[in-house]
Amino acid sequence: MDFYGFYTGKVFDAYKYLGAHVTDAGVTFRTFAPSASKISVIGEFNEWEESPMEKVHDGNFWEFTAEDARPGMMYKYRIYDKSGQFIDHCDPYGYGMELRPNTASIIRETDTFRFHDSAWMKKRTSRLKEALNIYEIHFGSFRKPSDEPDAWYNYEEMADILIPYLKENGYNYLEIMPLTEYPSDESWGYQGTGFFSPTSRYGTADQLKAFVDACHRNNIGIILDFVPVHFAVDYYALANYDGTALYEYPHAAVGQSEWGSCNFMHSRGEVRSFLQSAANYWLTEFHMDGLRMDAISRAIYWQGTPERGVNSNAVEFLKNMNRGLKKLHPSAILAAEDSTSFPGVTESPENGGLGFDYKWDMGWMNDTLDYFRTDPLFRGGCYHKLTFSMAYYYDSNYLLPLSHDEVVHGKATILQKMFGDYEMKFPQARAFYMYMYAHPGKKLNFMGNEIGHFREWDEKREQDWGLLTYPAHQDFHRFMTDLNHFYLEHPAFFEKDYDGDGFRWLDCHAEEQCIYAFERAGKKERIAAVFNFSGIEQADYKLEIPDAAGLRRLFTSERQGYGGSVSDTAKILKPDKGAFEFTLAPFSAEYYLIEEDD
């Protein structure tokens, strides 16, 4: 390892030196703990008796080789502070951990699995000009083998369950909530203890690699949720690792996050090298196709509050990490969850930006959902909540998220958010989703949204698949499946997501009617999208579309198979005195192919 690079925050492969490594001589354990007075390795191989580690290199690193240690055995580091008190810690660079509530690390070999996804890896891109339709899941609650709290399918079993579902439903990427080891189920993985350890809830590292490999062989990419801002407070993990605040800030004012976890101290080069190495580890060793970086606003600003000022050290860390990751993995996706207006999030570091490929458009999400919560009688008054997103859209490469955060904690599910009673929600949700899929930006939906989930998500229970025995949910699921495939098959909806000529308003001033119309353009096709978000039929609505000789309807939310009343999707409109005339059903949406003069 480049030790100078480690100390200055430039290393991306610290995991190859630190941690437990199988060698011809046994297993060599190494850890970084500069303030420890003494460290021993305890484990199955020495009957949990202390094997003293020796200081190596500059005295800040500790090392021991156990001749009798083997892969699969458990171990911990017994770390003594300056006062002589000790705590048994898991390995910060460990490749495996016990299932909670147990806390030992597990020796793992990293090169036992052989991938067969070379064709996928060669053609992979960051998809800026391609379709990106992401299905977000919590691995343990998509489906469960039983109602027991600790009943989960393992990684390989989930491949057989999930891959056919994704293909059938029209999703080409999967985003998985954090799989780095974590102690509390209720944290969903966002308060980690093992940044190099796939959670043991669902099996081993090789089983996760087999899952990734199977997805790739079925042309499905995987984005892993990654948390570079904070970590769990549990005594056995990173907190006060060597008897001092090694990974975190020593002062609670900036050292403790709003979730009660410890904030990483990004000003320390050793911490930057740790996080960069973890990010690279998942992309390199597991062939992950991207990372969604959690809570980036909390790195940009102190405690995520702009009034507290920019955390310049953390900003520089993000720039350097993303620059290094893109150099190592040019086709991998780096996405930021950031709700701030901080400039340049998706600009390259060379141009002063943070270097992400995508930024979650939280403003679009909040404004749009607020609009659909509003009584249709009053939507005219907040009409421009749906036009505002295009006023800032080209500032970043935006991704439109309807994530797990929007279906928990009393917020109601996406379908439930629609105004009105049960029957009234479905046509609004269909129109809402057609607006989302026509709007510029890549797409993300949390599991269950596609079947009209009514119950808020609970990590202890699988999704309510029984809803699909009800006709309204069957129809809605059919609609979502067809909409997903329509999106994947029509380049007008993704080829020019971030080009100014890929979108233009056709009507954004029909406030009283609550009608919107815009055009999406690709290299070879143009599609007009027309929406009536009022609760009444809009007859004789006229829309001018310059240079359009005709309109051919391709998709309507009112198709009978979706719960509407239209039996024939096909419909051709010709202009009359330069305008097209529509009759729009309440809460409806339609897509039309724009036909041009020969």
Foldseek 3Di string as FASTA:
>chain_A
DPVVLLFQQQAQAVLVPAAWAQDPQAIKHKDFFQQFPWKFKAWPQVPRDTDTWDQDDPRRMTMDGRNRHDFFIWMWMWTAGPVRDTDTAEGQSAQAADAPPDGTGTHDHQPPADFDQPVLLVPFFLQQQAAAAEEEELQAFQDFPDLDLLTGAALQVVLVVPLVVCVLQQHQEYEYEAQAADHDVVVSNQAHQHLNYGHPSRHHPNSNLVNQRSSSVSRHAYEYEHELFFHACDPRGQDCPNVARPQADRDCVQQAAPVRTGTGDLLGSNNLNSRLNSLVSCCPSSVHQEYEYPPVCCLQARNSDCVRPGPVSSLVSLLSSLVVSCVVRVRGAYEYAHADPDAAQCPHVVVVHSNGPEYEDVQLVVLLLVLQLDALQCSLVSLCSNVVCVVCVLRTQYAYEPELVCQDDPNWHSLVSGDDDDVVSQLLLLLSVVSVQQQQHHYYDYPPVLQSQGHRDDSSHHGPPVSCVDLLSVLSNVSSSVSSVVSNVDSLRRSPSNPPVQKDWQDSPPSNQSKGWMWGDDPPWIKIKIWGAHQAKDFFDKTADPQFQKWWWDDKCQDVSNVHDDPDRTDMFGDDPRITTDTGGHSMMTMIIGHGDD
